[in-house]
Protein backbone atom coordinates (compact mmCIF):
# COMPACT_ATOMS: atom_id res chain seq x y z
CA MET A 1 -11.15 38.75 -26.38
CA SER A 2 -8.36 36.80 -28.09
CA ALA A 3 -5.73 35.33 -25.80
CA ASP A 4 -3.14 37.01 -28.05
CA VAL A 5 -4.13 40.47 -26.79
CA ALA A 6 -5.63 39.52 -23.40
CA ARG A 7 -4.15 40.78 -20.15
CA ILE A 8 -4.30 40.01 -16.45
CA ILE A 9 -7.02 42.39 -15.32
CA ALA A 10 -7.33 41.43 -11.63
CA MET A 11 -5.71 39.39 -8.89
CA ASP A 12 -8.21 38.07 -6.35
CA THR A 13 -7.06 36.71 -3.00
CA TYR A 14 -8.86 34.62 -0.38
CA ASP A 15 -8.08 33.50 3.17
CA VAL A 16 -9.52 29.96 3.05
CA ARG A 17 -9.45 27.89 6.26
CA PHE A 18 -10.82 24.47 7.17
CA PRO A 19 -11.49 23.44 10.82
CA THR A 20 -9.37 20.27 10.70
CA SER A 21 -8.10 20.76 14.27
CA ARG A 22 -11.46 19.64 15.65
CA GLN A 23 -10.89 16.05 14.53
CA LEU A 24 -7.09 16.29 14.98
CA ASP A 25 -6.58 15.69 11.25
CA GLY A 26 -3.04 16.79 10.45
CA SER A 27 -1.87 16.76 14.08
CA ASP A 28 1.79 16.09 14.86
CA ALA A 29 4.34 16.66 17.60
CA MET A 30 5.10 20.23 16.59
CA ASN A 31 1.67 21.25 15.26
CA PRO A 32 -1.00 19.78 17.57
CA ASP A 33 -3.95 21.91 16.40
CA PRO A 34 -3.68 22.66 12.66
CA ASP A 35 -6.55 24.23 10.74
CA TYR A 36 -5.50 23.40 7.19
CA SER A 37 -5.65 26.61 5.18
CA ALA A 38 -4.89 28.08 1.78
CA ALA A 39 -3.83 31.61 0.95
CA TYR A 40 -5.51 31.41 -2.43
CA VAL A 41 -5.02 33.61 -5.50
CA VAL A 42 -6.79 33.83 -8.85
CA LEU A 43 -5.31 35.69 -11.81
CA ARG A 44 -8.30 36.99 -13.77
CA THR A 45 -7.94 37.68 -17.49
CA ASP A 46 -10.13 39.31 -20.12
CA ALA A 47 -9.57 36.39 -22.51
CA GLY A 48 -12.94 34.82 -21.81
CA GLU A 49 -13.72 31.08 -21.76
CA GLY A 50 -12.70 30.89 -18.11
CA LEU A 51 -9.02 31.42 -18.88
CA ASP A 52 -7.82 32.28 -15.38
CA GLY A 53 -4.87 31.11 -13.30
CA HIS A 54 -5.24 29.57 -9.82
CA GLY A 55 -2.61 29.15 -7.14
CA PHE A 56 -2.17 29.03 -3.38
CA THR A 57 0.20 28.40 -0.56
CA PHE A 58 -0.54 26.19 2.41
CA THR A 59 -0.70 27.30 6.06
CA ILE A 60 -2.34 25.85 9.17
CA GLY A 61 -4.69 28.59 10.42
CA ARG A 62 -3.71 31.78 12.22
CA GLY A 63 -1.29 33.68 10.04
CA ASN A 64 -3.09 32.83 6.83
CA ASP A 65 -4.20 36.46 6.79
CA VAL A 66 -0.53 37.48 6.90
CA GLN A 67 0.16 35.18 3.96
CA VAL A 68 -2.72 36.69 1.97
CA ALA A 69 -1.36 40.17 2.68
CA ALA A 70 2.03 39.09 1.32
CA ILE A 71 0.37 37.91 -1.89
CA GLU A 72 -1.47 41.22 -2.15
CA ALA A 73 1.89 43.03 -2.00
CA LEU A 74 2.80 41.46 -5.35
CA ARG A 75 -0.23 42.81 -7.20
CA GLY A 76 1.69 45.56 -9.01
CA HIS A 77 3.93 43.02 -10.71
CA VAL A 78 0.99 41.00 -12.01
CA VAL A 79 -2.01 43.05 -13.06
CA GLY A 80 -1.70 44.35 -16.60
CA ARG A 81 0.71 41.66 -17.85
CA PRO A 82 -0.13 40.30 -21.32
CA VAL A 83 -1.41 36.74 -21.06
CA ALA A 84 0.46 35.50 -24.13
CA GLU A 85 3.80 36.83 -22.90
CA LEU A 86 3.28 35.43 -19.41
CA CYS A 87 2.34 31.98 -20.70
CA ALA A 88 5.29 31.95 -23.09
CA ASP A 89 7.72 32.80 -20.29
CA PRO A 90 6.45 32.29 -16.72
CA GLY A 91 10.05 32.80 -15.66
CA SER A 92 9.70 36.49 -16.45
CA LEU A 93 7.18 36.80 -13.63
CA SER A 94 9.26 34.66 -11.31
CA ARG A 95 12.29 36.89 -11.89
CA ALA A 96 10.27 40.06 -11.33
CA LEU A 97 8.76 38.82 -8.06
CA THR A 98 11.98 37.47 -6.55
CA GLY A 99 13.90 40.51 -7.83
CA ASP A 100 11.76 43.21 -6.18
CA SER A 101 14.53 44.59 -3.97
CA GLN A 102 12.31 46.08 -1.28
CA LEU A 103 10.17 42.95 -0.88
CA ARG A 104 13.19 40.68 -1.32
CA TRP A 105 14.70 42.28 1.78
CA LEU A 106 12.06 40.49 3.87
CA GLY A 107 13.66 37.14 2.98
CA PRO A 108 15.58 37.09 0.84
CA GLU A 109 13.87 34.21 -0.95
CA LYS A 110 12.47 32.64 2.16
CA GLY A 111 9.52 32.82 4.53
CA VAL A 112 6.13 34.42 4.04
CA MET A 113 7.21 36.62 1.13
CA HIS A 114 8.75 33.75 -0.82
CA MET A 115 5.70 31.57 -0.24
CA ALA A 116 3.61 34.42 -1.65
CA VAL A 117 5.84 34.43 -4.73
CA GLY A 118 5.24 30.69 -5.04
CA ALA A 119 1.47 31.09 -4.95
CA VAL A 120 1.47 33.72 -7.71
CA VAL A 121 4.04 31.89 -9.87
CA ASN A 122 2.07 28.66 -9.54
CA ALA A 123 -1.06 30.53 -10.63
CA ALA A 124 0.82 31.74 -13.71
CA TRP A 125 1.77 28.15 -14.59
CA ASP A 126 -1.82 27.05 -14.07
CA LEU A 127 -2.82 29.76 -16.55
CA ALA A 128 -0.15 28.67 -19.01
CA ALA A 129 -1.26 25.04 -18.85
CA ARG A 130 -4.90 26.02 -19.25
CA GLN A 131 -4.08 28.10 -22.29
CA ALA A 132 -2.14 25.18 -23.77
CA ARG A 133 -5.04 22.84 -22.92
CA LYS A 134 -2.69 20.45 -21.14
CA PRO A 135 -2.24 19.27 -17.56
CA LEU A 136 0.87 20.94 -16.15
CA TRP A 137 2.93 17.74 -16.01
CA LYS A 138 2.33 17.23 -19.72
CA LEU A 139 3.10 20.87 -20.56
CA LEU A 140 6.46 20.53 -18.79
CA ALA A 141 7.23 17.08 -20.21
CA ASP A 142 6.54 18.27 -23.76
CA ALA A 143 8.65 21.42 -23.40
CA GLU A 144 12.01 21.76 -25.11
CA PRO A 145 14.91 21.23 -22.70
CA ALA A 146 16.47 24.59 -23.54
CA TRP A 147 13.22 26.38 -22.69
CA LEU A 148 12.94 24.55 -19.37
CA VAL A 149 16.49 25.56 -18.50
CA SER A 150 15.63 29.17 -19.35
CA GLN A 151 12.93 29.06 -16.66
CA ILE A 152 15.45 28.37 -13.87
CA ASP A 153 17.42 30.89 -11.82
CA PHE A 154 20.92 29.36 -11.59
CA ARG A 155 22.24 32.10 -9.34
CA TYR A 156 23.85 30.46 -6.27
CA LEU A 157 23.66 26.99 -7.89
CA THR A 158 26.50 26.74 -10.39
CA ASP A 159 28.97 25.24 -7.90
CA ALA A 160 26.61 22.25 -7.84
CA LEU A 161 24.59 22.42 -11.09
CA THR A 162 25.38 24.44 -14.20
CA GLU A 163 23.00 25.34 -17.00
CA GLN A 164 24.83 22.96 -19.32
CA GLU A 165 24.56 20.10 -16.83
CA ALA A 166 20.83 20.76 -16.47
CA LEU A 167 20.41 20.83 -20.24
CA ASP A 168 22.34 17.58 -20.60
CA LEU A 169 20.17 15.88 -17.95
CA LEU A 170 16.99 16.93 -19.73
CA CYS A 171 18.26 15.96 -23.16
CA ARG A 172 19.33 12.49 -21.98
CA ALA A 173 15.92 11.96 -20.39
CA ARG A 174 14.15 12.43 -23.73
CA THR A 175 15.13 8.87 -24.62
CA GLY A 176 12.21 6.62 -23.68
CA ARG A 177 9.94 9.53 -22.79
CA GLU A 178 6.95 8.29 -24.80
CA ALA A 179 7.11 4.82 -23.21
CA ARG A 180 7.24 6.32 -19.71
CA GLU A 181 4.27 8.53 -20.49
CA GLU A 182 2.30 5.48 -21.61
CA GLU A 183 3.33 3.68 -18.42
CA LEU A 184 2.16 6.64 -16.36
CA HIS A 185 -1.25 6.60 -18.02
CA ARG A 186 -1.57 2.84 -17.48
CA GLY A 187 -0.48 2.50 -13.88
CA GLY A 188 -0.17 5.96 -12.36
CA TYR A 189 2.52 7.14 -9.93
CA PRO A 190 3.15 5.30 -6.62
CA ALA A 191 1.81 6.89 -3.44
CA TYR A 192 2.10 6.41 0.29
CA THR A 193 -0.38 7.56 2.90
CA THR A 194 -0.04 9.51 6.12
CA SER A 195 -3.76 9.25 6.87
CA PRO A 196 -3.37 6.53 9.57
CA GLY A 197 -0.54 8.26 11.40
CA TRP A 198 -1.72 11.62 12.77
CA LEU A 199 -0.45 11.97 16.31
CA GLY A 200 -3.82 12.75 17.86
CA TYR A 201 -5.49 9.56 16.61
CA PRO A 202 -6.16 6.75 19.14
CA ASP A 203 -4.48 3.39 18.54
CA GLU A 204 -7.73 1.79 17.38
CA LYS A 205 -8.12 4.38 14.62
CA LEU A 206 -4.45 4.04 13.66
CA ALA A 207 -4.83 0.25 13.29
CA ARG A 208 -8.09 0.51 11.33
CA LEU A 209 -6.71 3.10 8.92
CA ALA A 210 -3.49 1.12 8.44
CA GLU A 211 -5.53 -1.93 7.47
CA GLU A 212 -7.57 0.19 5.08
CA ALA A 213 -4.38 1.60 3.54
CA MET A 214 -3.10 -1.89 2.80
CA ALA A 215 -6.44 -2.91 1.32
CA ALA A 216 -6.40 0.20 -0.88
CA GLY A 217 -3.08 -0.84 -2.43
CA PHE A 218 -0.67 1.48 -0.64
CA ARG A 219 2.75 -0.01 0.00
CA GLN A 220 3.91 2.51 2.60
CA ILE A 221 2.37 4.41 5.50
CA LYS A 222 3.78 7.13 7.73
CA LEU A 223 3.37 7.77 11.46
CA LYS A 224 3.92 11.02 13.31
CA VAL A 225 6.31 10.72 16.27
CA GLY A 226 8.31 12.88 18.64
CA ALA A 227 6.07 14.00 21.49
CA ASP A 228 6.40 11.05 23.89
CA LEU A 229 8.79 8.14 23.42
CA GLN A 230 6.65 5.51 25.12
CA ASP A 231 3.64 6.55 23.06
CA ASP A 232 5.74 6.31 19.91
CA ILE A 233 6.96 2.82 20.82
CA ARG A 234 3.40 1.66 21.44
CA ARG A 235 2.03 3.24 18.25
CA CYS A 236 4.87 1.93 16.08
CA ARG A 237 4.39 -1.55 17.53
CA THR A 238 0.66 -1.35 16.84
CA ALA A 239 1.23 -0.28 13.24
CA ARG A 240 3.92 -2.88 12.59
CA GLU A 241 1.70 -5.66 13.93
CA VAL A 242 -1.01 -4.58 11.49
CA VAL A 243 1.09 -4.13 8.35
CA GLY A 244 3.59 -6.95 8.91
CA PRO A 245 7.37 -7.06 8.56
CA GLY A 246 7.74 -6.47 4.83
CA PHE A 247 5.67 -3.30 4.57
CA ARG A 248 7.37 0.11 4.47
CA MET A 249 6.58 2.34 7.44
CA ALA A 250 8.10 5.81 7.70
CA ILE A 251 8.15 8.03 10.79
CA ASP A 252 8.02 11.84 10.95
CA ALA A 253 9.21 13.99 13.88
CA ASN A 254 8.25 17.36 12.33
CA GLN A 255 11.45 19.09 13.52
CA ARG A 256 10.87 18.23 17.16
CA TRP A 257 14.38 17.15 18.26
CA ASP A 258 17.91 18.40 18.81
CA VAL A 259 20.55 16.37 16.98
CA PRO A 260 21.57 14.06 19.86
CA GLU A 261 17.92 13.52 20.78
CA ALA A 262 17.06 12.68 17.17
CA ILE A 263 19.79 10.05 17.06
CA ALA A 264 18.81 8.49 20.40
CA TRP A 265 15.03 8.54 19.71
CA THR A 266 15.42 7.04 16.24
CA ALA A 267 17.61 4.30 17.70
CA ARG A 268 14.83 3.39 20.16
CA LEU A 269 12.34 3.10 17.29
CA ALA A 270 14.70 1.22 14.98
CA GLU A 271 13.33 -2.17 16.12
CA PHE A 272 10.12 -1.40 14.22
CA GLY A 273 12.02 -1.07 10.93
CA PRO A 274 11.23 2.53 9.96
CA TYR A 275 12.07 3.18 6.33
CA TRP A 276 12.91 6.83 6.95
CA ILE A 277 12.92 9.38 9.76
CA GLU A 278 11.48 12.63 8.43
CA GLU A 279 12.41 16.12 9.62
CA PRO A 280 14.34 14.86 12.66
CA THR A 281 15.61 18.35 13.52
CA SER A 282 15.48 21.98 12.36
CA PRO A 283 14.99 22.17 8.59
CA ASP A 284 17.73 24.81 8.50
CA ASP A 285 20.36 22.59 10.14
CA VAL A 286 22.23 21.10 7.19
CA LEU A 287 25.14 19.74 9.23
CA GLY A 288 22.77 18.42 11.89
CA HIS A 289 20.94 16.38 9.27
CA ALA A 290 24.27 15.06 7.98
CA ALA A 291 25.27 13.96 11.50
CA ILE A 292 21.90 12.27 12.07
CA ARG A 293 22.12 10.49 8.71
CA ARG A 294 25.51 9.04 9.54
CA ALA A 295 24.34 7.91 12.98
CA VAL A 296 20.95 6.32 12.22
CA ALA A 297 21.72 4.35 9.05
CA PRO A 298 20.28 2.11 7.68
CA VAL A 299 17.21 4.21 8.60
CA LYS A 300 17.06 6.85 5.89
CA VAL A 301 16.80 10.60 6.55
CA ALA A 302 14.11 12.54 4.66
CA THR A 303 13.51 16.28 4.71
CA GLY A 304 12.49 19.23 2.57
CA GLU A 305 8.91 20.32 3.18
CA HIS A 306 10.14 23.33 5.21
CA VAL A 307 13.31 23.99 3.23
CA HIS A 308 13.17 27.63 2.15
CA ASN A 309 14.72 27.55 -1.30
CA ARG A 310 16.92 25.85 -3.88
CA VAL A 311 20.10 27.02 -2.10
CA VAL A 312 19.39 25.06 1.10
CA PHE A 313 18.47 22.00 -0.97
CA LYS A 314 21.82 22.38 -2.76
CA GLN A 315 23.65 22.40 0.57
CA LEU A 316 21.74 19.38 1.90
CA LEU A 317 22.76 17.46 -1.20
CA GLN A 318 26.36 18.65 -1.15
CA ALA A 319 26.69 17.69 2.52
CA ASP A 320 25.24 14.17 2.02
CA ALA A 321 22.64 15.18 4.60
CA LEU A 322 19.56 13.40 3.23
CA ASP A 323 18.54 10.16 1.57
CA VAL A 324 15.10 11.34 0.43
CA LEU A 325 14.34 14.84 -0.85
CA GLN A 326 10.85 16.07 -0.01
CA LEU A 327 10.12 19.12 -2.09
CA ASP A 328 6.95 21.10 -1.46
CA ALA A 329 4.96 22.62 -4.33
CA ALA A 330 4.13 25.81 -2.43
CA ARG A 331 6.90 26.41 0.16
CA VAL A 332 9.48 27.64 -2.36
CA GLY A 333 9.02 30.12 -5.20
CA GLY A 334 6.74 27.96 -7.32
CA VAL A 335 7.28 25.75 -10.36
CA ASN A 336 10.40 27.55 -11.58
CA GLU A 337 12.31 26.94 -8.37
CA ASN A 338 11.04 23.38 -8.11
CA LEU A 339 12.43 22.71 -11.60
CA ALA A 340 15.84 23.62 -10.19
CA ILE A 341 15.32 21.37 -7.16
CA LEU A 342 14.27 18.39 -9.30
CA LEU A 343 17.35 18.81 -11.45
CA LEU A 344 19.62 19.11 -8.40
CA ALA A 345 18.17 15.88 -7.04
CA ALA A 346 18.72 14.16 -10.40
CA LYS A 347 22.32 15.40 -10.56
CA PHE A 348 23.02 13.97 -7.07
CA GLY A 349 21.03 10.77 -7.64
CA VAL A 350 18.68 11.36 -4.70
CA PRO A 351 15.03 10.23 -4.97
CA VAL A 352 12.29 12.85 -4.66
CA CYS A 353 9.27 11.95 -2.51
CA PRO A 354 7.22 15.17 -2.29
CA HIS A 355 5.45 16.48 0.76
CA ALA A 356 1.70 16.60 0.27
CA GLY A 357 0.22 16.62 3.77
CA GLY A 358 -1.88 19.75 3.41
CA VAL A 359 -4.86 21.26 1.66
CA GLY A 360 -4.34 21.04 -2.08
CA LEU A 361 -0.74 19.89 -1.96
CA CYS A 362 -1.59 16.43 -3.31
CA GLU A 363 -3.26 18.12 -6.26
CA LEU A 364 -0.12 20.15 -7.03
CA VAL A 365 2.81 17.83 -6.39
CA GLN A 366 1.50 15.00 -8.53
CA HIS A 367 2.32 17.16 -11.56
CA LEU A 368 5.92 17.74 -10.45
CA SER A 369 6.60 14.05 -9.76
CA MET A 370 5.01 12.93 -13.01
CA PHE A 371 7.08 15.44 -14.98
CA ASP A 372 10.16 14.19 -13.14
CA PHE A 373 9.38 10.59 -14.11
CA VAL A 374 8.67 11.33 -17.75
CA ALA A 375 11.31 13.99 -18.46
CA VAL A 376 13.98 14.20 -15.71
CA SER A 377 14.85 11.15 -13.59
CA GLY A 378 13.05 8.60 -15.77
CA THR A 379 12.27 6.33 -12.82
CA THR A 380 9.83 5.74 -9.96
CA GLU A 381 12.21 3.48 -8.04
CA ASP A 382 12.11 4.38 -4.32
CA ARG A 383 9.88 7.34 -5.23
CA VAL A 384 6.43 7.90 -3.79
CA ILE A 385 4.12 10.89 -3.42
CA GLU A 386 2.53 11.50 -0.03
CA TYR A 387 -1.26 11.21 0.10
CA VAL A 388 -3.71 12.31 2.77
CA ASP A 389 -7.39 11.52 2.42
CA HIS A 390 -9.08 14.78 3.24
CA LEU A 391 -10.18 18.10 1.67
CA HIS A 392 -9.93 16.92 -1.94
CA GLU A 393 -13.64 17.54 -2.39
CA HIS A 394 -12.96 21.28 -2.34
CA PHE A 395 -11.09 21.19 -5.68
CA ARG A 396 -12.52 21.14 -9.19
CA ASP A 397 -10.02 18.50 -10.33
CA PRO A 398 -9.23 16.43 -7.25
CA VAL A 399 -6.58 13.74 -7.24
CA VAL A 400 -7.61 10.23 -8.18
CA ILE A 401 -6.01 7.29 -6.35
CA ARG A 402 -6.19 3.80 -7.84
CA ASP A 403 -4.54 0.81 -6.18
CA GLY A 404 -2.21 3.02 -4.16
CA HIS A 405 -1.17 5.12 -7.17
CA TYR A 406 -1.94 8.65 -8.35
CA ALA A 407 -3.76 8.54 -11.67
CA ALA A 408 -2.27 10.96 -14.20
CA PRO A 409 -4.37 14.17 -14.33
CA LEU A 410 -5.97 14.83 -17.69
CA ALA A 411 -7.64 18.22 -17.14
CA PRO A 412 -5.75 21.30 -18.30
CA GLY A 413 -3.94 23.26 -15.60
CA PHE A 414 -2.18 22.67 -12.29
CA SER A 415 -5.23 21.11 -10.53
CA ALA A 416 -5.19 24.17 -8.25
CA ALA A 417 -8.68 25.58 -8.81
CA MET A 418 -10.95 25.40 -5.76
CA ASP A 419 -14.70 24.93 -5.94
CA PRO A 420 -16.46 28.33 -5.71
CA GLU A 421 -18.83 26.97 -3.06
CA SER A 422 -15.91 25.96 -0.87
CA ILE A 423 -14.43 29.43 -1.20
CA ALA A 424 -17.78 30.98 -0.28
CA ASN A 425 -18.16 28.68 2.72
CA TYR A 426 -14.65 28.68 4.17
CA THR A 427 -13.19 32.13 3.48
CA TYR A 428 -12.26 33.47 6.90
CA PRO A 429 -13.95 35.13 8.75
CA HIS A 430 -16.97 36.04 6.60
CA GLY A 431 -17.59 32.79 4.70
CA ARG A 432 -20.81 31.01 5.56
CA PHE A 433 -19.21 28.34 7.75
CA TRP A 434 -17.01 30.73 9.72
CA ALA A 435 -19.65 33.43 10.12
CA ALA A 436 -22.05 30.90 11.65
CA ASP A 437 -19.28 29.29 13.73
CA LEU A 438 -18.00 32.57 15.14
CA ALA A 439 -21.52 33.72 15.92
CA ARG A 440 -22.23 30.47 17.76
CA ARG A 441 -19.02 30.62 19.75
CA GLY A 442 -19.26 34.31 20.40
CA ASP A 443 -15.49 34.63 20.86
CA GLY A 444 -14.48 36.09 17.52
CA GLN A 445 -11.92 33.35 17.02
CA GLY A 446 -13.61 30.02 16.34
CA ALA A 447 -11.37 27.04 15.75
CA THR A 448 -8.36 29.26 15.05
CA ASP A 449 -8.15 30.10 18.76
CA PRO A 450 -5.83 27.60 20.52
CA ALA A 451 -8.11 27.41 23.55
CA GLU A 452 -10.98 26.35 21.30
CA ALA A 453 -9.11 24.15 18.85
CA GLN A 454 -9.90 20.89 20.64
CA ALA A 455 -13.53 21.74 21.39
């Protein structure tokens, strides 16, 4: 069937979980036993030629079923939509999903319901990019500024960013766009790696992975901290001895501390020259972040992966509460809301270094950062995308890292499509891996049970 008359005929959802807790991959002070998971959605069309849209949101195990149920609740807004209209205006779907008054009540625009909106909206953008036969970053970078502005909900933002200011930012950034795109294709986008720094790793593994990161061309690593001060001092010393004095090393507390504790703990680790302290306190505490930032300088404050929506990002920027903005591709309401966040960051002159420490997040956020470079901020100075070296094999178009840089994706779409075999193996609880694992354990819980997570 022609894409001009095709419609969304189905919305398939999957509870996909990977047993990462067993090797302590992804472990940190607040989340010691994560099973990296994706509440995954596919928008099926009758257009033929595999023209479907793929999206997901990231969780860490138990509760992924709740997230899938939230996505299912949006089905009535999706199935039956004309493909051509949706691809021409993904914002129409975004507005419908965030504007459902009864579902909106559960947030509004935050939490499980808003993450579900993000998964479906991202799937719509994947569909739009596939139809256009472009990678998403290129689709966005080629778009007319006025159309991009039309995709953004400016409600609650105009005291910090107006539609005209957003349009002016995008129009100014068109100068030099072609040269930046060529630069992106030549050298890629700078990355840093968290792979050496998971809290559960022994010092020997930390040191080995830090050496490997340097050899692979990365110019920054990140270590998880916050559970035990003496352990953090030892681990930071170990890492600094490996990477040397001129190498950037960030630390991440994953929301573990109260404000005074964050200030005192960061001061104790300052001798190791941390570039930033990430999520030093509750992601909702705007004024707390501002107080920490004033107290710990010149150590920078980074946050954003758990920020609910564009409004909280606006407040963090207005309050001078962060030095580094860490948007997440799936935490907020999808591409449309992240367009607003990128433009807010550009207005305030704050660098964006996206969060990508989860299944599939590297695949998604590369598109947002590359669009930002080509068509918004026009720079990669002090900007890096997080990279973690696991689970990429489960995606059809996995990220490619060369000399510590993300290579620009060339395949059409948002790089969100998972391999069908991985879905068949890791859908919980009836996928092949989990069915065999649960049968072996005989407890009905497998690695998602906290008592079994470290087995």
